[in-house]
Amino acid sequence: MTHEESWQKAKERYPVGSAARGVVKARFPFGVFLELEEASAVKGFVDIVSYNPGGPGDESPAPLPEVGETVEGTVVSLVDRDQQIRLQVGPPPWEGRP
């Protein structure tokens, strides 16, 4: 299977709004890259703003997960240019604010 075929298959498996789970493969100050369970050839990405596992009312930003940890979230975008599936963990930070 070519990389393009892997990307197309991943987009079908993980449409925007669907749940996704993956293992952290790389951690940076700005976010983490994941190996997704059912699309290992495609990168999952959670940026620091999209990582809010505590939910509304949690004032302090949560530390990003470590390499090897499993992360579950919701697909928020499919980036063709980077062949990357971006996830949101917990509600967006602007929800629940006055």
C-alpha atoms as a PDB file:
ATOM      1  CA  MET A   1       0.000   0.000   0.000  1.00  0.00           C
ATOM      2  CA  THR A   2       1.386   3.400  -0.956  1.00  0.00           C
ATOM      3  CA  HIS A   3       1.592   6.279   1.500  1.00  0.00           C
ATOM      4  CA  GLU A   4      -1.229   8.052  -0.384  1.00  0.00           C
ATOM      5  CA  GLU A   5      -3.429   4.936  -0.123  1.00  0.00           C
ATOM      6  CA  SER A   6      -2.655   4.715   3.607  1.00  0.00           C
ATOM      7  CA  TRP A   7      -3.689   8.365   3.998  1.00  0.00           C
ATOM      8  CA  GLN A   8      -6.971   7.851   2.117  1.00  0.00           C
ATOM      9  CA  LYS A   9      -7.779   4.788   4.220  1.00  0.00           C
ATOM     10  CA  ALA A  10      -6.976   6.688   7.431  1.00  0.00           C
ATOM     11  CA  LYS A  11      -9.272   9.569   6.396  1.00  0.00           C
ATOM     12  CA  GLU A  12     -12.099   7.073   5.856  1.00  0.00           C
ATOM     13  CA  ARG A  13     -11.443   5.396   9.219  1.00  0.00           C
ATOM     14  CA  TYR A  14     -11.107   8.660  11.172  1.00  0.00           C
ATOM     15  CA  PRO A  15     -13.561  11.267   9.839  1.00  0.00           C
ATOM     16  CA  VAL A  16     -13.852  14.603  11.663  1.00  0.00           C
ATOM     17  CA  GLY A  17     -15.867  14.095  14.845  1.00  0.00           C
ATOM     18  CA  SER A  18     -14.905  10.442  15.294  1.00  0.00           C
ATOM     19  CA  ALA A  19     -13.072   9.015  18.305  1.00  0.00           C
ATOM     20  CA  ALA A  20      -9.417   8.046  17.943  1.00  0.00           C
ATOM     21  CA  ARG A  21      -6.813   6.460  20.183  1.00  0.00           C
ATOM     22  CA  GLY A  22      -3.073   6.272  19.796  1.00  0.00           C
ATOM     23  CA  VAL A  23       0.238   5.915  21.565  1.00  0.00           C
ATOM     24  CA  VAL A  24       2.516   8.931  22.010  1.00  0.00           C
ATOM     25  CA  LYS A  25       5.616   8.454  19.827  1.00  0.00           C
ATOM     26  CA  ALA A  26       7.170  11.925  20.154  1.00  0.00           C
ATOM     27  CA  ARG A  27       6.685  14.757  22.658  1.00  0.00           C
ATOM     28  CA  PHE A  28       7.539  18.414  22.087  1.00  0.00           C
ATOM     29  CA  PRO A  29       6.758  21.645  24.005  1.00  0.00           C
ATOM     30  CA  PHE A  30       4.011  22.420  21.452  1.00  0.00           C
ATOM     31  CA  GLY A  31       2.289  19.004  21.368  1.00  0.00           C
ATOM     32  CA  VAL A  32       2.575  15.255  20.868  1.00  0.00           C
ATOM     33  CA  PHE A  33       2.634  12.992  17.829  1.00  0.00           C
ATOM     34  CA  LEU A  34       0.719   9.724  18.010  1.00  0.00           C
ATOM     35  CA  GLU A  35       0.735   6.375  16.281  1.00  0.00           C
ATOM     36  CA  LEU A  36      -2.977   5.763  15.765  1.00  0.00           C
ATOM     37  CA  GLU A  37      -4.370   2.312  16.513  1.00  0.00           C
ATOM     38  CA  GLU A  38      -5.890   1.655  13.105  1.00  0.00           C
ATOM     39  CA  ALA A  39      -3.687   3.855  10.929  1.00  0.00           C
ATOM     40  CA  SER A  40      -0.093   3.393  12.046  1.00  0.00           C
ATOM     41  CA  ALA A  41       1.318   4.799   8.782  1.00  0.00           C
ATOM     42  CA  VAL A  42      -0.353   8.183   9.436  1.00  0.00           C
ATOM     43  CA  LYS A  43       0.599  10.672  12.160  1.00  0.00           C
ATOM     44  CA  GLY A  44      -1.866  11.759  14.783  1.00  0.00           C
ATOM     45  CA  PHE A  45      -1.169  15.109  16.444  1.00  0.00           C
ATOM     46  CA  VAL A  46      -2.460  16.844  19.589  1.00  0.00           C
ATOM     47  CA  ASP A  47      -1.239  20.398  20.115  1.00  0.00           C
ATOM     48  CA  ILE A  48      -0.877  21.847  23.605  1.00  0.00           C
ATOM     49  CA  VAL A  49      -4.030  23.994  23.275  1.00  0.00           C
ATOM     50  CA  SER A  50      -6.071  20.935  22.254  1.00  0.00           C
ATOM     51  CA  TYR A  51      -4.966  18.855  25.251  1.00  0.00           C
ATOM     52  CA  ASN A  52      -7.518  19.543  27.992  1.00  0.00           C
ATOM     53  CA  PRO A  53      -8.270  16.195  29.688  1.00  0.00           C
ATOM     54  CA  GLY A  54      -9.471  17.858  32.921  1.00  0.00           C
ATOM     55  CA  GLY A  55     -12.408  19.518  31.218  1.00  0.00           C
ATOM     56  CA  PRO A  56     -14.059  22.867  31.994  1.00  0.00           C
ATOM     57  CA  GLY A  57     -13.006  24.603  35.181  1.00  0.00           C
ATOM     58  CA  ASP A  58      -9.526  23.107  35.199  1.00  0.00           C
ATOM     59  CA  GLU A  59      -7.555  26.343  35.326  1.00  0.00           C
ATOM     60  CA  SER A  60      -4.034  24.966  35.058  1.00  0.00           C
ATOM     61  CA  PRO A  61      -2.924  23.528  31.722  1.00  0.00           C
ATOM     62  CA  ALA A  62      -2.474  19.767  31.882  1.00  0.00           C
ATOM     63  CA  PRO A  63       1.033  18.492  31.229  1.00  0.00           C
ATOM     64  CA  LEU A  64       1.309  16.745  27.879  1.00  0.00           C
ATOM     65  CA  PRO A  65       1.389  12.948  28.028  1.00  0.00           C
ATOM     66  CA  GLU A  66       4.733  11.155  27.976  1.00  0.00           C
ATOM     67  CA  VAL A  67       6.103   8.960  25.175  1.00  0.00           C
ATOM     68  CA  GLY A  68       4.460   5.532  25.427  1.00  0.00           C
ATOM     69  CA  GLU A  69       1.211   6.772  26.996  1.00  0.00           C
ATOM     70  CA  THR A  70      -2.106   6.075  25.284  1.00  0.00           C
ATOM     71  CA  VAL A  71      -4.225   9.098  24.380  1.00  0.00           C
ATOM     72  CA  GLU A  72      -7.902   9.152  23.406  1.00  0.00           C
ATOM     73  CA  GLY A  73      -9.546  12.088  21.702  1.00  0.00           C
ATOM     74  CA  THR A  74     -11.823  13.377  18.972  1.00  0.00           C
ATOM     75  CA  VAL A  75     -10.701  14.043  15.406  1.00  0.00           C
ATOM     76  CA  VAL A  76     -10.945  17.792  14.730  1.00  0.00           C
ATOM     77  CA  SER A  77      -9.212  18.047  11.360  1.00  0.00           C
ATOM     78  CA  LEU A  78      -7.567  16.087   8.563  1.00  0.00           C
ATOM     79  CA  VAL A  79      -4.549  17.909   7.142  1.00  0.00           C
ATOM     80  CA  ASP A  80      -3.875  16.661   3.601  1.00  0.00           C
ATOM     81  CA  ARG A  81      -0.661  18.663   3.217  1.00  0.00           C
ATOM     82  CA  ASP A  82       0.953  16.931   6.208  1.00  0.00           C
ATOM     83  CA  GLN A  83      -1.111  13.724   6.004  1.00  0.00           C
ATOM     84  CA  GLN A  84      -1.880  14.320   9.645  1.00  0.00           C
ATOM     85  CA  ILE A  85      -4.945  13.646  11.791  1.00  0.00           C
ATOM     86  CA  ARG A  86      -5.359  16.295  14.491  1.00  0.00           C
ATOM     87  CA  LEU A  87      -7.116  15.438  17.732  1.00  0.00           C
ATOM     88  CA  GLN A  88      -8.772  17.294  20.613  1.00  0.00           C
ATOM     89  CA  VAL A  89      -8.510  15.685  24.063  1.00  0.00           C
ATOM     90  CA  GLY A  90     -11.281  16.862  26.367  1.00  0.00           C
ATOM     91  CA  PRO A  91     -13.419  19.880  25.555  1.00  0.00           C
ATOM     92  CA  PRO A  92     -11.892  22.875  23.770  1.00  0.00           C
ATOM     93  CA  PRO A  93     -10.385  25.327  26.291  1.00  0.00           C
ATOM     94  CA  TRP A  94     -12.896  28.057  25.386  1.00  0.00           C
ATOM     95  CA  GLU A  95     -15.900  25.901  26.382  1.00  0.00           C
ATOM     96  CA  GLY A  96     -17.231  26.496  29.854  1.00  0.00           C
ATOM     97  CA  ARG A  97     -15.702  29.976  30.177  1.00  0.00           C
ATOM     98  CA  PRO A  98     -17.922  32.973  30.906  1.00  0.00           C
END
